[in-house]
Amino acid sequence: MERFHLIGGPGTVALVTAASAAWVPIPWLRARQGGPVEGSRGQAPPVAGGPAGRIRLLTAEPAQVAAGLAAMTEHLVTLGRIATGSGAQRAREIERLKP
């Protein structure tokens, strides 16, 4: 009598179990990194303050991004100056940047 195999047997069961278990920490990781945590149907959680709160969050974000970009640009200019300067100048710049 032939034995009926369901798409690979125990290996398939292990694969499906591992793939299902891998999705368990995903919402936790998203929340920990500041990403949106979605509901079971993909909808975003409600924002405090309703539509006005959502508008307030969306208008504040570009200012935060611009401030971060300005800081990164300043750091990049400083690093470029350090990398292209002379040895003595480079040492002074590095010492100046130390806390």
N, C-alpha and C. Protein backbone atom coordinates (compact mmCIF):
# COMPACT_ATOMS: atom_id res chain seq x y z
N MET A 1 0.83 -1.17 0.00
CA MET A 1 0.00 0.00 0.00
C MET A 1 0.88 1.25 0.00
N GLU A 2 0.55 2.20 -0.85
CA GLU A 2 1.33 3.42 -0.93
C GLU A 2 0.94 4.38 0.19
N ARG A 3 1.92 5.05 0.65
CA ARG A 3 1.68 6.03 1.71
C ARG A 3 1.41 7.39 1.08
N PHE A 4 0.40 8.10 1.53
CA PHE A 4 0.02 9.41 0.99
C PHE A 4 0.82 10.49 1.71
N HIS A 5 1.60 11.28 0.94
CA HIS A 5 2.42 12.34 1.52
C HIS A 5 1.77 13.69 1.24
N LEU A 6 1.69 14.51 2.26
CA LEU A 6 1.17 15.86 2.11
C LEU A 6 2.33 16.83 1.90
N ILE A 7 2.63 17.12 0.70
CA ILE A 7 3.61 18.12 0.30
C ILE A 7 4.89 18.07 1.16
N GLY A 8 5.51 16.97 1.27
CA GLY A 8 6.81 16.87 1.90
C GLY A 8 6.88 16.32 3.31
N GLY A 9 5.81 16.15 3.99
CA GLY A 9 5.82 15.54 5.31
C GLY A 9 6.30 16.44 6.42
N PRO A 10 7.15 15.90 7.35
CA PRO A 10 7.55 16.65 8.54
C PRO A 10 8.36 17.91 8.23
N GLY A 11 9.11 17.91 7.13
CA GLY A 11 9.86 19.10 6.77
C GLY A 11 8.96 20.28 6.48
N THR A 12 7.84 20.01 5.84
CA THR A 12 6.88 21.06 5.52
C THR A 12 6.24 21.61 6.79
N VAL A 13 5.92 20.72 7.70
CA VAL A 13 5.33 21.15 8.97
C VAL A 13 6.31 22.05 9.72
N ALA A 14 7.59 21.68 9.73
CA ALA A 14 8.60 22.48 10.41
C ALA A 14 8.75 23.84 9.74
N LEU A 15 8.72 23.86 8.41
CA LEU A 15 8.85 25.12 7.68
C LEU A 15 7.68 26.05 7.96
N VAL A 16 6.47 25.54 7.93
CA VAL A 16 5.28 26.35 8.18
C VAL A 16 5.29 26.87 9.62
N THR A 17 5.70 26.03 10.56
CA THR A 17 5.77 26.45 11.96
C THR A 17 6.81 27.55 12.15
N ALA A 18 7.98 27.38 11.53
CA ALA A 18 9.03 28.39 11.67
C ALA A 18 8.61 29.72 11.03
N ALA A 19 7.97 29.64 9.87
CA ALA A 19 7.53 30.87 9.20
C ALA A 19 6.46 31.58 10.01
N SER A 20 5.57 30.84 10.60
CA SER A 20 4.51 31.44 11.42
C SER A 20 5.09 32.06 12.68
N ALA A 21 6.04 31.38 13.30
CA ALA A 21 6.65 31.89 14.53
C ALA A 21 7.49 33.13 14.26
N ALA A 22 8.01 33.24 13.05
CA ALA A 22 8.85 34.40 12.72
C ALA A 22 8.05 35.69 12.72
N TRP A 23 6.75 35.63 12.48
CA TRP A 23 5.93 36.84 12.44
C TRP A 23 5.49 37.31 13.82
N VAL A 24 5.72 36.52 14.84
CA VAL A 24 5.29 36.90 16.18
C VAL A 24 5.99 38.17 16.67
N PRO A 25 7.33 38.31 16.54
CA PRO A 25 7.99 39.51 17.08
C PRO A 25 7.92 40.74 16.17
N ILE A 26 7.36 40.62 14.97
CA ILE A 26 7.37 41.73 14.02
C ILE A 26 6.67 42.98 14.58
N PRO A 27 5.45 42.91 15.11
CA PRO A 27 4.82 44.13 15.65
C PRO A 27 5.62 44.74 16.81
N TRP A 28 6.22 43.88 17.62
CA TRP A 28 7.02 44.38 18.73
C TRP A 28 8.24 45.14 18.21
N LEU A 29 8.91 44.59 17.20
CA LEU A 29 10.08 45.26 16.64
C LEU A 29 9.69 46.58 15.97
N ARG A 30 8.58 46.60 15.27
CA ARG A 30 8.12 47.84 14.64
C ARG A 30 7.85 48.92 15.68
N ALA A 31 7.17 48.55 16.75
CA ALA A 31 6.86 49.51 17.81
C ALA A 31 8.13 49.99 18.50
N ARG A 32 9.07 49.10 18.70
CA ARG A 32 10.32 49.44 19.38
C ARG A 32 11.14 50.43 18.55
N GLN A 33 11.09 50.31 17.23
CA GLN A 33 11.85 51.19 16.36
C GLN A 33 11.07 52.43 15.95
N GLY A 34 9.88 52.61 16.50
CA GLY A 34 9.12 53.82 16.24
C GLY A 34 8.25 53.75 15.00
N GLY A 35 8.11 52.57 14.42
CA GLY A 35 7.29 52.42 13.22
C GLY A 35 5.82 52.28 13.58
N PRO A 36 4.97 52.32 12.57
CA PRO A 36 3.54 52.17 12.83
C PRO A 36 3.19 50.73 13.18
N VAL A 37 2.36 50.57 14.16
CA VAL A 37 1.86 49.25 14.52
C VAL A 37 0.48 49.14 13.92
N GLU A 38 0.28 48.16 13.06
CA GLU A 38 -0.99 48.03 12.36
C GLU A 38 -1.87 47.00 13.04
N GLY A 39 -3.17 47.13 12.81
CA GLY A 39 -4.12 46.16 13.31
C GLY A 39 -4.08 44.88 12.50
N SER A 40 -4.96 43.95 12.81
CA SER A 40 -4.96 42.67 12.11
C SER A 40 -5.35 42.80 10.65
N ARG A 41 -6.02 43.87 10.28
CA ARG A 41 -6.43 44.07 8.89
C ARG A 41 -5.60 45.14 8.18
N GLY A 42 -4.50 45.57 8.79
CA GLY A 42 -3.61 46.52 8.16
C GLY A 42 -3.93 47.98 8.41
N GLN A 43 -4.94 48.26 9.21
CA GLN A 43 -5.28 49.66 9.46
C GLN A 43 -4.40 50.22 10.57
N ALA A 44 -4.04 51.48 10.44
CA ALA A 44 -3.20 52.14 11.44
C ALA A 44 -4.01 52.40 12.70
N PRO A 45 -3.35 52.43 13.86
CA PRO A 45 -4.08 52.74 15.10
C PRO A 45 -4.55 54.18 15.09
N PRO A 46 -5.62 54.47 15.82
CA PRO A 46 -6.13 55.85 15.85
C PRO A 46 -5.11 56.79 16.50
N VAL A 47 -5.05 58.00 16.01
CA VAL A 47 -4.14 59.01 16.54
C VAL A 47 -4.89 59.82 17.59
N ALA A 48 -4.22 60.11 18.70
CA ALA A 48 -4.85 60.91 19.75
C ALA A 48 -5.19 62.29 19.20
N GLY A 49 -6.38 62.73 19.42
CA GLY A 49 -6.82 64.04 18.95
C GLY A 49 -7.55 63.97 17.62
N GLY A 50 -7.75 62.78 17.10
CA GLY A 50 -8.50 62.61 15.85
C GLY A 50 -7.77 63.20 14.65
N PRO A 51 -8.53 63.70 13.69
CA PRO A 51 -7.90 64.27 12.48
C PRO A 51 -6.98 65.46 12.78
N ALA A 52 -7.35 66.27 13.75
CA ALA A 52 -6.51 67.42 14.09
C ALA A 52 -5.16 66.96 14.65
N GLY A 53 -5.18 65.90 15.44
CA GLY A 53 -3.93 65.36 15.98
C GLY A 53 -3.06 64.78 14.87
N ARG A 54 -3.69 64.13 13.90
CA ARG A 54 -2.94 63.57 12.77
C ARG A 54 -2.30 64.68 11.94
N ILE A 55 -3.04 65.77 11.71
CA ILE A 55 -2.51 66.91 10.96
C ILE A 55 -1.35 67.53 11.72
N ARG A 56 -1.47 67.65 13.04
CA ARG A 56 -0.41 68.22 13.86
C ARG A 56 0.86 67.36 13.75
N LEU A 57 0.71 66.04 13.79
CA LEU A 57 1.86 65.15 13.67
C LEU A 57 2.51 65.27 12.29
N LEU A 58 1.68 65.33 11.25
CA LEU A 58 2.21 65.39 9.89
C LEU A 58 2.89 66.72 9.59
N THR A 59 2.44 67.79 10.21
CA THR A 59 3.08 69.09 9.96
C THR A 59 4.36 69.25 10.78
N ALA A 60 4.47 68.55 11.90
CA ALA A 60 5.68 68.64 12.73
C ALA A 60 6.82 67.80 12.15
N GLU A 61 6.49 66.77 11.41
CA GLU A 61 7.52 65.86 10.91
C GLU A 61 8.51 66.52 9.95
N PRO A 62 8.07 67.31 8.96
CA PRO A 62 9.06 67.94 8.07
C PRO A 62 10.06 68.84 8.79
N ALA A 63 9.61 69.52 9.83
CA ALA A 63 10.52 70.38 10.60
C ALA A 63 11.59 69.54 11.30
N GLN A 64 11.18 68.39 11.83
CA GLN A 64 12.13 67.50 12.49
C GLN A 64 13.13 66.94 11.49
N VAL A 65 12.65 66.57 10.31
CA VAL A 65 13.53 66.04 9.27
C VAL A 65 14.52 67.12 8.82
N ALA A 66 14.04 68.35 8.65
CA ALA A 66 14.92 69.44 8.23
C ALA A 66 15.99 69.71 9.28
N ALA A 67 15.63 69.69 10.55
CA ALA A 67 16.60 69.92 11.62
C ALA A 67 17.64 68.81 11.65
N GLY A 68 17.20 67.58 11.47
CA GLY A 68 18.13 66.45 11.44
C GLY A 68 19.06 66.54 10.24
N LEU A 69 18.53 66.95 9.09
CA LEU A 69 19.34 67.09 7.89
C LEU A 69 20.39 68.20 8.07
N ALA A 70 20.01 69.30 8.70
CA ALA A 70 20.96 70.39 8.95
C ALA A 70 22.10 69.92 9.86
N ALA A 71 21.76 69.16 10.90
CA ALA A 71 22.79 68.65 11.82
C ALA A 71 23.72 67.67 11.09
N MET A 72 23.15 66.81 10.27
CA MET A 72 23.97 65.85 9.53
C MET A 72 24.88 66.56 8.54
N THR A 73 24.38 67.61 7.90
CA THR A 73 25.19 68.38 6.95
C THR A 73 26.36 69.03 7.67
N GLU A 74 26.10 69.58 8.85
CA GLU A 74 27.17 70.21 9.63
C GLU A 74 28.24 69.18 10.00
N HIS A 75 27.81 68.01 10.43
CA HIS A 75 28.77 66.95 10.77
C HIS A 75 29.58 66.53 9.55
N LEU A 76 28.92 66.41 8.42
CA LEU A 76 29.60 66.00 7.19
C LEU A 76 30.64 67.04 6.77
N VAL A 77 30.31 68.32 6.88
CA VAL A 77 31.27 69.38 6.54
C VAL A 77 32.47 69.31 7.46
N THR A 78 32.23 69.10 8.76
CA THR A 78 33.32 69.00 9.73
C THR A 78 34.21 67.81 9.42
N LEU A 79 33.60 66.66 9.14
CA LEU A 79 34.39 65.47 8.82
C LEU A 79 35.18 65.66 7.53
N GLY A 80 34.61 66.33 6.55
CA GLY A 80 35.32 66.61 5.31
C GLY A 80 36.51 67.52 5.55
N ARG A 81 36.33 68.51 6.40
CA ARG A 81 37.43 69.43 6.72
C ARG A 81 38.54 68.69 7.45
N ILE A 82 38.17 67.78 8.36
CA ILE A 82 39.17 67.00 9.10
C ILE A 82 39.92 66.07 8.14
N ALA A 83 39.21 65.43 7.24
CA ALA A 83 39.82 64.45 6.33
C ALA A 83 40.76 65.11 5.32
N THR A 84 40.50 66.34 4.92
CA THR A 84 41.31 66.98 3.89
C THR A 84 42.35 67.94 4.45
N GLY A 85 42.37 68.16 5.74
CA GLY A 85 43.31 69.11 6.33
C GLY A 85 44.68 68.48 6.57
N SER A 86 45.61 69.29 7.04
CA SER A 86 46.96 68.80 7.36
C SER A 86 46.92 68.00 8.66
N GLY A 87 48.02 67.34 8.96
CA GLY A 87 48.09 66.50 10.15
C GLY A 87 47.88 67.27 11.44
N ALA A 88 48.55 68.41 11.57
CA ALA A 88 48.44 69.21 12.80
C ALA A 88 47.04 69.79 12.92
N GLN A 89 46.51 70.29 11.79
CA GLN A 89 45.15 70.84 11.80
C GLN A 89 44.14 69.75 12.14
N ARG A 90 44.35 68.56 11.59
CA ARG A 90 43.45 67.43 11.86
C ARG A 90 43.46 67.08 13.34
N ALA A 91 44.64 67.06 13.96
CA ALA A 91 44.74 66.75 15.38
C ALA A 91 44.01 67.79 16.22
N ARG A 92 44.15 69.09 15.86
CA ARG A 92 43.44 70.14 16.60
C ARG A 92 41.94 69.99 16.46
N GLU A 93 41.45 69.68 15.26
CA GLU A 93 40.01 69.52 15.04
C GLU A 93 39.46 68.34 15.84
N ILE A 94 40.22 67.25 15.86
CA ILE A 94 39.77 66.07 16.61
C ILE A 94 39.72 66.38 18.09
N GLU A 95 40.73 67.06 18.61
CA GLU A 95 40.74 67.42 20.03
C GLU A 95 39.60 68.37 20.37
N ARG A 96 39.29 69.28 19.45
CA ARG A 96 38.20 70.24 19.68
C ARG A 96 36.85 69.52 19.74
N LEU A 97 36.71 68.44 18.99
CA LEU A 97 35.43 67.73 18.95
C LEU A 97 35.23 66.80 20.14
N LYS A 98 36.29 66.46 20.84
CA LYS A 98 36.17 65.55 21.99
C LYS A 98 35.42 66.25 23.13
N PRO A 99 34.59 65.50 23.86
CA PRO A 99 33.84 66.11 24.96
C PRO A 99 34.70 66.43 26.16
